[in-house]
PDB file of N, CA and C in Angstrom:
ATOM      1  N   MET A   1      86.819 -24.427 315.805  1.00  0.00           N
ATOM      2  CA  MET A   1      87.413 -24.666 314.367  1.00  0.00           C
ATOM      3  C   MET A   1      87.850 -25.965 314.212  1.00  0.00           C
ATOM      4  N   ASP A   2      87.694 -27.427 313.552  1.00  0.00           N
ATOM      5  CA  ASP A   2      88.397 -27.915 313.365  1.00  0.00           C
ATOM      6  C   ASP A   2      89.155 -27.666 311.994  1.00  0.00           C
ATOM      7  N   ASN A   3      90.399 -28.814 311.872  1.00  0.00           N
ATOM      8  CA  ASN A   3      91.359 -28.326 310.994  1.00  0.00           C
ATOM      9  C   ASN A   3      90.766 -28.344 309.479  1.00  0.00           C
ATOM     10  N   GLN A   4      89.719 -29.144 309.078  1.00  0.00           N
ATOM     11  CA  GLN A   4      89.048 -28.691 307.787  1.00  0.00           C
ATOM     12  C   GLN A   4      89.280 -27.620 307.587  1.00  0.00           C
ATOM     13  N   THR A   5      88.743 -26.791 308.552  1.00  0.00           N
ATOM     14  CA  THR A   5      88.314 -25.249 308.148  1.00  0.00           C
ATOM     15  C   THR A   5      88.996 -24.592 307.886  1.00  0.00           C
ATOM     16  N   LEU A   6      90.127 -24.552 308.593  1.00  0.00           N
ATOM     17  CA  LEU A   6      91.236 -23.993 308.638  1.00  0.00           C
ATOM     18  C   LEU A   6      91.619 -23.394 306.803  1.00  0.00           C
ATOM     19  N   PRO A   7      92.566 -22.173 306.822  1.00  0.00           N
ATOM     20  CA  PRO A   7      92.706 -21.602 305.126  1.00  0.00           C
ATOM     21  C   PRO A   7      94.197 -22.159 304.764  1.00  0.00           C
ATOM     22  N   ALA A   8      94.550 -22.422 304.304  1.00  0.00           N
ATOM     23  CA  ALA A   8      95.842 -23.637 304.002  1.00  0.00           C
ATOM     24  C   ALA A   8      96.559 -22.255 302.546  1.00  0.00           C
ATOM     25  N   THR A   9      97.439 -21.957 303.664  1.00  0.00           N
ATOM     26  CA  THR A   9      98.602 -21.093 302.740  1.00  0.00           C
ATOM     27  C   THR A   9      99.679 -22.282 302.102  1.00  0.00           C
ATOM     28  N   THR A  10     100.026 -21.906 300.583  1.00  0.00           N
ATOM     29  CA  THR A  10     101.229 -22.644 300.224  1.00  0.00           C
ATOM     30  C   THR A  10     102.609 -21.554 300.568  1.00  0.00           C
ATOM     31  N   ILE A  11     103.760 -21.807 300.953  1.00  0.00           N
ATOM     32  CA  ILE A  11     104.757 -21.062 300.791  1.00  0.00           C
ATOM     33  C   ILE A  11     105.922 -21.888 300.272  1.00  0.00           C
ATOM     34  N   PHE A  12     106.500 -20.924 299.318  1.00  0.00           N
ATOM     35  CA  PHE A  12     107.691 -21.564 298.547  1.00  0.00           C
ATOM     36  C   PHE A  12     108.999 -21.189 299.505  1.00  0.00           C
ATOM     37  N   THR A  13     109.887 -22.119 300.099  1.00  0.00           N
ATOM     38  CA  THR A  13     110.763 -21.097 300.700  1.00  0.00           C
ATOM     39  C   THR A  13     112.007 -22.175 300.269  1.00  0.00           C
ATOM     40  N   ASP A  14     113.257 -21.331 300.251  1.00  0.00           N
ATOM     41  CA  ASP A  14     114.809 -21.974 300.006  1.00  0.00           C
ATOM     42  C   ASP A  14     115.184 -22.089 301.335  1.00  0.00           C
ATOM     43  N   GLY A  15     114.989 -21.621 302.350  1.00  0.00           N
ATOM     44  CA  GLY A  15     115.442 -21.903 303.800  1.00  0.00           C
ATOM     45  C   GLY A  15     115.161 -20.884 304.396  1.00  0.00           C
ATOM     46  N   LEU A  16     115.840 -20.784 305.393  1.00  0.00           N
ATOM     47  CA  LEU A  16     115.403 -19.873 306.711  1.00  0.00           C
ATOM     48  C   LEU A  16     116.255 -18.177 306.578  1.00  0.00           C
ATOM     49  N   LEU A  17     115.417 -17.407 306.681  1.00  0.00           N
ATOM     50  CA  LEU A  17     116.170 -16.081 306.781  1.00  0.00           C
ATOM     51  C   LEU A  17     116.384 -15.691 308.446  1.00  0.00           C
ATOM     52  N   ASP A  18     115.557 -15.786 309.302  1.00  0.00           N
ATOM     53  CA  ASP A  18     115.671 -15.811 310.945  1.00  0.00           C
ATOM     54  C   ASP A  18     115.059 -16.079 311.318  1.00  0.00           C
ATOM     55  N   ALA A  19     115.103 -16.915 313.175  1.00  0.00           N
ATOM     56  CA  ALA A  19     114.320 -16.925 313.777  1.00  0.00           C
ATOM     57  C   ALA A  19     114.141 -16.537 315.040  1.00  0.00           C
ATOM     58  N   SER A  20     113.469 -16.512 315.974  1.00  0.00           N
ATOM     59  CA  SER A  20     113.390 -16.020 317.068  1.00  0.00           C
ATOM     60  C   SER A  20     112.433 -16.662 318.332  1.00  0.00           C
ATOM     61  N   VAL A  21     112.361 -16.617 319.480  1.00  0.00           N
ATOM     62  CA  VAL A  21     111.351 -17.072 320.510  1.00  0.00           C
ATOM     63  C   VAL A  21     110.896 -16.306 321.605  1.00  0.00           C
ATOM     64  N   GLN A  22     110.112 -16.142 321.583  1.00  0.00           N
ATOM     65  CA  GLN A  22     109.254 -15.062 322.361  1.00  0.00           C
ATOM     66  C   GLN A  22     108.178 -15.558 322.764  1.00  0.00           C
ATOM     67  N   HIS A  23     107.795 -15.441 324.248  1.00  0.00           N
ATOM     68  CA  HIS A  23     106.652 -16.010 325.041  1.00  0.00           C
ATOM     69  C   HIS A  23     105.875 -17.692 324.613  1.00  0.00           C
ATOM     70  N   GLY A  24     107.564 -18.450 324.471  1.00  0.00           N
ATOM     71  CA  GLY A  24     106.542 -19.758 324.567  1.00  0.00           C
ATOM     72  C   GLY A  24     106.891 -19.950 322.973  1.00  0.00           C
ATOM     73  N   VAL A  25     106.797 -19.067 321.610  1.00  0.00           N
ATOM     74  CA  VAL A  25     106.533 -19.255 320.315  1.00  0.00           C
ATOM     75  C   VAL A  25     107.839 -18.960 319.865  1.00  0.00           C
ATOM     76  N   VAL A  26     108.095 -20.082 318.742  1.00  0.00           N
ATOM     77  CA  VAL A  26     109.296 -19.651 317.822  1.00  0.00           C
ATOM     78  C   VAL A  26     108.530 -19.354 316.448  1.00  0.00           C
ATOM     79  N   ARG A  27     109.042 -18.178 316.278  1.00  0.00           N
ATOM     80  CA  ARG A  27     108.716 -17.819 314.757  1.00  0.00           C
ATOM     81  C   ARG A  27     109.808 -17.797 313.529  1.00  0.00           C
ATOM     82  N   LEU A  28     109.456 -18.315 313.026  1.00  0.00           N
ATOM     83  CA  LEU A  28     110.761 -18.773 311.796  1.00  0.00           C
ATOM     84  C   LEU A  28     110.163 -17.907 310.476  1.00  0.00           C
ATOM     85  N   THR A  29     111.241 -17.094 310.146  1.00  0.00           N
ATOM     86  CA  THR A  29     110.817 -16.258 308.705  1.00  0.00           C
ATOM     87  C   THR A  29     111.498 -17.287 307.849  1.00  0.00           C
ATOM     88  N   LEU A  30     110.937 -17.734 306.855  1.00  0.00           N
ATOM     89  CA  LEU A  30     111.163 -18.249 305.719  1.00  0.00           C
ATOM     90  C   LEU A  30     111.645 -17.350 304.480  1.00  0.00           C
ATOM     91  N   GLY A  31     112.657 -17.747 303.861  1.00  0.00           N
ATOM     92  CA  GLY A  31     112.652 -17.235 302.649  1.00  0.00           C
ATOM     93  C   GLY A  31     112.959 -17.854 301.363  1.00  0.00           C
ATOM     94  N   ARG A  32     112.792 -16.640 300.265  1.00  0.00           N
ATOM     95  CA  ARG A  32     112.967 -17.020 298.593  1.00  0.00           C
ATOM     96  C   ARG A  32     114.346 -16.528 298.389  1.00  0.00           C
ATOM     97  N   LEU A  33     114.803 -16.902 297.097  1.00  0.00           N
ATOM     98  CA  LEU A  33     115.554 -15.803 296.089  1.00  0.00           C
ATOM     99  C   LEU A  33     114.940 -15.387 295.129  1.00  0.00           C
ATOM    100  N   GLY A  34     115.088 -13.847 295.325  1.00  0.00           N
ATOM    101  CA  GLY A  34     114.189 -12.935 294.375  1.00  0.00           C
ATOM    102  C   GLY A  34     114.624 -12.557 293.584  1.00  0.00           C
ATOM    103  N   ALA A  35     114.047 -11.614 292.270  1.00  0.00           N
ATOM    104  CA  ALA A  35     114.452 -11.847 291.289  1.00  0.00           C
ATOM    105  C   ALA A  35     116.118 -11.081 290.558  1.00  0.00           C
ATOM    106  N   ASP A  36     116.753 -10.496 291.932  1.00  0.00           N
ATOM    107  CA  ASP A  36     118.197 -10.053 291.970  1.00  0.00           C
ATOM    108  C   ASP A  36     118.877 -10.988 292.263  1.00  0.00           C
ATOM    109  N   ASN A  37     118.385 -12.342 292.483  1.00  0.00           N
ATOM    110  CA  ASN A  37     118.982 -13.677 293.227  1.00  0.00           C
ATOM    111  C   ASN A  37     119.547 -13.225 294.940  1.00  0.00           C
ATOM    112  N   LYS A  38     118.810 -12.521 295.463  1.00  0.00           N
ATOM    113  CA  LYS A  38     118.813 -12.420 296.756  1.00  0.00           C
ATOM    114  C   LYS A  38     117.859 -12.740 297.523  1.00  0.00           C
ATOM    115  N   PRO A  39     118.432 -12.977 298.997  1.00  0.00           N
ATOM    116  CA  PRO A  39     116.918 -13.401 299.742  1.00  0.00           C
ATOM    117  C   PRO A  39     115.820 -12.679 300.258  1.00  0.00           C
ATOM    118  N   VAL A  40     114.820 -13.090 300.189  1.00  0.00           N
ATOM    119  CA  VAL A  40     114.004 -12.006 300.323  1.00  0.00           C
ATOM    120  C   VAL A  40     112.854 -12.886 301.313  1.00  0.00           C
ATOM    121  N   PRO A  41     111.829 -12.175 302.204  1.00  0.00           N
ATOM    122  CA  PRO A  41     110.822 -13.081 303.225  1.00  0.00           C
ATOM    123  C   PRO A  41     110.055 -13.423 302.177  1.00  0.00           C
ATOM    124  N   ALA A  42     109.774 -15.037 302.575  1.00  0.00           N
ATOM    125  CA  ALA A  42     108.629 -15.485 301.880  1.00  0.00           C
ATOM    126  C   ALA A  42     107.246 -15.680 302.530  1.00  0.00           C
ATOM    127  N   GLY A  43     107.232 -15.934 303.950  1.00  0.00           N
ATOM    128  CA  GLY A  43     106.594 -16.223 304.866  1.00  0.00           C
ATOM    129  C   GLY A  43     106.651 -16.275 306.257  1.00  0.00           C
ATOM    130  N   LEU A  44     106.011 -16.598 307.477  1.00  0.00           N
ATOM    131  CA  LEU A  44     106.318 -16.941 308.871  1.00  0.00           C
ATOM    132  C   LEU A  44     105.518 -17.997 308.853  1.00  0.00           C
ATOM    133  N   LEU A  45     106.301 -18.620 309.674  1.00  0.00           N
ATOM    134  CA  LEU A  45     106.192 -20.202 309.976  1.00  0.00           C
ATOM    135  C   LEU A  45     105.927 -19.755 311.780  1.00  0.00           C
ATOM    136  N   VAL A  46     104.953 -20.097 312.180  1.00  0.00           N
ATOM    137  CA  VAL A  46     104.576 -19.965 313.696  1.00  0.00           C
ATOM    138  C   VAL A  46     104.861 -21.358 314.255  1.00  0.00           C
ATOM    139  N   VAL A  47     105.313 -21.403 315.670  1.00  0.00           N
ATOM    140  CA  VAL A  47     104.925 -23.174 315.913  1.00  0.00           C
ATOM    141  C   VAL A  47     105.079 -22.854 317.379  1.00  0.00           C
ATOM    142  N   PRO A  48     104.468 -23.217 318.351  1.00  0.00           N
ATOM    143  CA  PRO A  48     104.241 -23.258 319.731  1.00  0.00           C
ATOM    144  C   PRO A  48     105.626 -23.537 320.662  1.00  0.00           C
ATOM    145  N   LEU A  49     106.592 -23.473 321.119  1.00  0.00           N
ATOM    146  CA  LEU A  49     108.000 -23.676 321.456  1.00  0.00           C
ATOM    147  C   LEU A  49     107.553 -25.724 321.757  1.00  0.00           C
ATOM    148  N   VAL A  50     106.577 -25.499 322.173  1.00  0.00           N
ATOM    149  CA  VAL A  50     106.798 -26.949 322.726  1.00  0.00           C
ATOM    150  C   VAL A  50     106.498 -28.229 322.056  1.00  0.00           C
ATOM    151  N   GLN A  51     106.364 -27.391 320.451  1.00  0.00           N
ATOM    152  CA  GLN A  51     105.927 -28.687 319.734  1.00  0.00           C
ATOM    153  C   GLN A  51     107.264 -28.715 318.657  1.00  0.00           C
ATOM    154  N   LEU A  52     108.194 -27.639 318.945  1.00  0.00           N
ATOM    155  CA  LEU A  52     109.228 -27.623 317.774  1.00  0.00           C
ATOM    156  C   LEU A  52     109.990 -28.850 317.607  1.00  0.00           C
ATOM    157  N   ALA A  53     110.575 -29.469 319.024  1.00  0.00           N
ATOM    158  CA  ALA A  53     111.219 -30.691 318.809  1.00  0.00           C
ATOM    159  C   ALA A  53     110.393 -31.871 318.002  1.00  0.00           C
ATOM    160  N   GLY A  54     108.710 -32.103 318.222  1.00  0.00           N
ATOM    161  CA  GLY A  54     108.263 -32.592 317.378  1.00  0.00           C
ATOM    162  C   GLY A  54     108.222 -32.707 315.686  1.00  0.00           C
ATOM    163  N   LEU A  55     108.253 -30.844 315.791  1.00  0.00           N
ATOM    164  CA  LEU A  55     108.026 -30.911 314.344  1.00  0.00           C
ATOM    165  C   LEU A  55     109.819 -31.212 313.593  1.00  0.00           C
ATOM    166  N   THR A  56     110.645 -30.309 314.113  1.00  0.00           N
ATOM    167  CA  THR A  56     111.789 -30.765 313.991  1.00  0.00           C
ATOM    168  C   THR A  56     112.112 -32.561 313.762  1.00  0.00           C
ATOM    169  N   GLN A  57     111.858 -33.516 314.795  1.00  0.00           N
ATOM    170  CA  GLN A  57     112.062 -34.647 314.224  1.00  0.00           C
ATOM    171  C   GLN A  57     111.673 -35.408 313.088  1.00  0.00           C
ATOM    172  N   GLY A  58     110.007 -34.666 312.743  1.00  0.00           N
ATOM    173  CA  GLY A  58     109.432 -34.746 311.919  1.00  0.00           C
ATOM    174  C   GLY A  58     109.779 -34.714 310.398  1.00  0.00           C
ATOM    175  N   LEU A  59     110.495 -33.585 310.586  1.00  0.00           N
ATOM    176  CA  LEU A  59     111.581 -33.165 309.185  1.00  0.00           C
ATOM    177  C   LEU A  59     112.605 -34.196 308.926  1.00  0.00           C
ATOM    178  N   GLY A  60     113.348 -34.516 310.137  1.00  0.00           N
ATOM    179  CA  GLY A  60     114.023 -34.976 310.062  1.00  0.00           C
ATOM    180  C   GLY A  60     114.145 -36.958 309.333  1.00  0.00           C
ATOM    181  N   ARG A  61     112.670 -37.364 309.829  1.00  0.00           N
ATOM    182  CA  ARG A  61     112.554 -38.218 309.417  1.00  0.00           C
ATOM    183  C   ARG A  61     111.860 -38.722 307.756  1.00  0.00           C
ATOM    184  N   LEU A  62     111.406 -37.156 307.423  1.00  0.00           N
ATOM    185  CA  LEU A  62     110.865 -36.673 306.644  1.00  0.00           C
ATOM    186  C   LEU A  62     112.437 -36.855 305.480  1.00  0.00           C
ATOM    187  N   MET A  63     113.589 -36.638 305.888  1.00  0.00           N
ATOM    188  CA  MET A  63     114.790 -36.435 304.995  1.00  0.00           C
ATOM    189  C   MET A  63     115.193 -37.903 304.796  1.00  0.00           C
ATOM    190  N   GLN A  64     115.597 -38.630 305.947  1.00  0.00           N
ATOM    191  CA  GLN A  64     116.193 -40.504 306.418  1.00  0.00           C
ATOM    192  C   GLN A  64     114.985 -40.930 304.905  1.00  0.00           C
ATOM    193  N   GLN A  65     113.903 -40.550 304.674  1.00  0.00           N
ATOM    194  CA  GLN A  65     112.851 -41.391 303.896  1.00  0.00           C
ATOM    195  C   GLN A  65     113.131 -40.845 302.162  1.00  0.00           C
ATOM    196  N   ILE A  66     113.363 -39.533 302.144  1.00  0.00           N
ATOM    197  CA  ILE A  66     113.879 -39.060 300.996  1.00  0.00           C
ATOM    198  C   ILE A  66     115.086 -39.517 300.395  1.00  0.00           C
ATOM    199  N   GLU A  67     116.544 -39.605 301.157  1.00  0.00           N
ATOM    200  CA  GLU A  67     117.617 -39.914 300.666  1.00  0.00           C
ATOM    201  C   GLU A  67     117.242 -41.674 300.918  1.00  0.00           C
ATOM    202  N   ALA A  68     116.700 -42.349 301.416  1.00  0.00           N
ATOM    203  CA  ALA A  68     116.394 -44.199 301.298  1.00  0.00           C
ATOM    204  C   ALA A  68     115.932 -43.845 300.170  1.00  0.00           C
ATOM    205  N   LYS A  69     114.563 -42.951 299.221  1.00  0.00           N
ATOM    206  CA  LYS A  69     114.390 -43.332 298.133  1.00  0.00           C
ATOM    207  C   LYS A  69     115.359 -42.853 297.168  1.00  0.00           C
ATOM    208  N   ILE A  70     116.031 -42.100 297.451  1.00  0.00           N
ATOM    209  CA  ILE A  70     117.449 -41.889 296.759  1.00  0.00           C
ATOM    210  C   ILE A  70     117.873 -42.775 296.238  1.00  0.00           C
ATOM    211  N   LYS A  71     118.631 -43.480 297.396  1.00  0.00           N
ATOM    212  CA  LYS A  71     119.499 -44.778 297.107  1.00  0.00           C
ATOM    213  C   LYS A  71     119.188 -45.366 296.829  1.00  0.00           C
ATOM    214  N   GLU A  72     118.032 -45.944 296.897  1.00  0.00           N
ATOM    215  CA  GLU A  72     117.144 -47.217 296.095  1.00  0.00           C
ATOM    216  C   GLU A  72     117.003 -46.523 294.754  1.00  0.00           C
ATOM    217  N   THR A  73     116.485 -45.514 294.418  1.00  0.00           N
ATOM    218  CA  THR A  73     116.466 -45.167 293.089  1.00  0.00           C
ATOM    219  C   THR A  73     117.719 -44.740 292.150  1.00  0.00           C
ATOM    220  N   ALA A  74     118.866 -44.843 293.057  1.00  0.00           N
ATOM    221  CA  ALA A  74     119.977 -44.337 292.191  1.00  0.00           C
ATOM    222  C   ALA A  74     120.639 -45.360 291.517  1.00  0.00           C
ATOM    223  N   PRO A  75     121.073 -45.924 292.014  1.00  0.00           N
ATOM    224  CA  PRO A  75     121.604 -47.831 291.461  1.00  0.00           C
ATOM    225  C   PRO A  75     121.001 -47.756 289.912  1.00  0.00           C
ATOM    226  N   ALA A  76     119.461 -47.772 289.934  1.00  0.00           N
ATOM    227  CA  ALA A  76     118.743 -48.255 288.734  1.00  0.00           C
ATOM    228  C   ALA A  76     119.450 -47.485 287.198  1.00  0.00           C
ATOM    229  N   ALA A  77     118.881 -45.971 287.914  1.00  0.00           N
ATOM    230  CA  ALA A  77     118.874 -44.844 287.082  1.00  0.00           C
ATOM    231  C   ALA A  77     119.432 -43.623 287.406  1.00  0.00           C
ATOM    232  N   ALA A  78     120.562 -43.181 287.789  1.00  0.00           N
ATOM    233  CA  ALA A  78     121.223 -42.291 288.705  1.00  0.00           C
ATOM    234  C   ALA A  78     120.668 -40.835 287.883  1.00  0.00           C
ATOM    235  N   GLU A  79     120.590 -41.018 286.254  1.00  0.00           N
ATOM    236  CA  GLU A  79     120.333 -39.647 285.925  1.00  0.00           C
ATOM    237  C   GLU A  79     118.618 -39.182 286.054  1.00  0.00           C
ATOM    238  N   THR A  80     117.956 -40.477 286.314  1.00  0.00           N
ATOM    239  CA  THR A  80     116.320 -40.259 286.001  1.00  0.00           C
ATOM    240  C   THR A  80     115.865 -40.717 287.164  1.00  0.00           C
ATOM    241  N   LEU A  81     116.082 -39.390 288.366  1.00  0.00           N
ATOM    242  CA  LEU A  81     115.317 -39.652 289.766  1.00  0.00           C
ATOM    243  C   LEU A  81     114.070 -39.248 289.343  1.00  0.00           C
ATOM    244  N   PRO A  82     112.955 -39.769 290.327  1.00  0.00           N
ATOM    245  CA  PRO A  82     111.693 -38.814 290.216  1.00  0.00           C
ATOM    246  C   PRO A  82     111.407 -38.030 290.348  1.00  0.00           C
ATOM    247  N   ASP A  83     110.233 -37.215 289.806  1.00  0.00           N
ATOM    248  CA  ASP A  83     110.538 -35.759 289.829  1.00  0.00           C
ATOM    249  C   ASP A  83     109.780 -35.402 291.223  1.00  0.00           C
ATOM    250  N   SER A  84     108.402 -36.639 291.945  1.00  0.00           N
ATOM    251  CA  SER A  84     108.211 -36.502 292.858  1.00  0.00           C
ATOM    252  C   SER A  84     107.524 -37.945 293.438  1.00  0.00           C
ATOM    253  N   PHE A  85     107.526 -38.086 294.838  1.00  0.00           N
ATOM    254  CA  PHE A  85     107.329 -38.947 295.635  1.00  0.00           C
ATOM    255  C   PHE A  85     106.357 -38.697 296.571  1.00  0.00           C
ATOM    256  N   THR A  86     105.421 -39.433 297.536  1.00  0.00           N
ATOM    257  CA  THR A  86     104.712 -39.270 298.468  1.00  0.00           C
ATOM    258  C   THR A  86     104.886 -40.059 299.090  1.00  0.00           C
ATOM    259  N   PHE A  87     104.840 -39.408 300.879  1.00  0.00           N
ATOM    260  CA  PHE A  87     105.197 -40.442 302.009  1.00  0.00           C
ATOM    261  C   PHE A  87     103.765 -40.453 302.556  1.00  0.00           C
ATOM    262  N   GLY A  88     103.691 -41.314 303.760  1.00  0.00           N
ATOM    263  CA  GLY A  88     102.680 -41.530 304.618  1.00  0.00           C
ATOM    264  C   GLY A  88     101.484 -42.175 303.943  1.00  0.00           C
ATOM    265  N   GLY A  89     100.964 -42.634 302.897  1.00  0.00           N
ATOM    266  CA  GLY A  89      99.975 -43.397 302.590  1.00  0.00           C
ATOM    267  C   GLY A  89      99.269 -42.313 301.557  1.00  0.00           C
ATOM    268  N   ARG A  90      99.686 -40.963 300.834  1.00  0.00           N
ATOM    269  CA  ARG A  90      99.095 -40.054 300.685  1.00  0.00           C
ATOM    270  C   ARG A  90      99.526 -40.173 298.949  1.00  0.00           C
TER     271      ARG A  90
END
């Protein structure tokens, strides 16, 4: 099965509720705020431990790009930041 045929699931998360490592697999329980404004599980992200460093480095680079885009936009119009932008040629 190639990546084109894998089902895609979108999970909205406000943060991380729990993390564990067992048998070389990292399980991250993602959370979101529920109706009562308390965190509830939103989904489970499962990553091979050997891939975790690459994933976190990629997220760190994304954060740097977002910060740079905000700084680039901020001097011109601090109150009119774009609602969205993309990276990586998309």
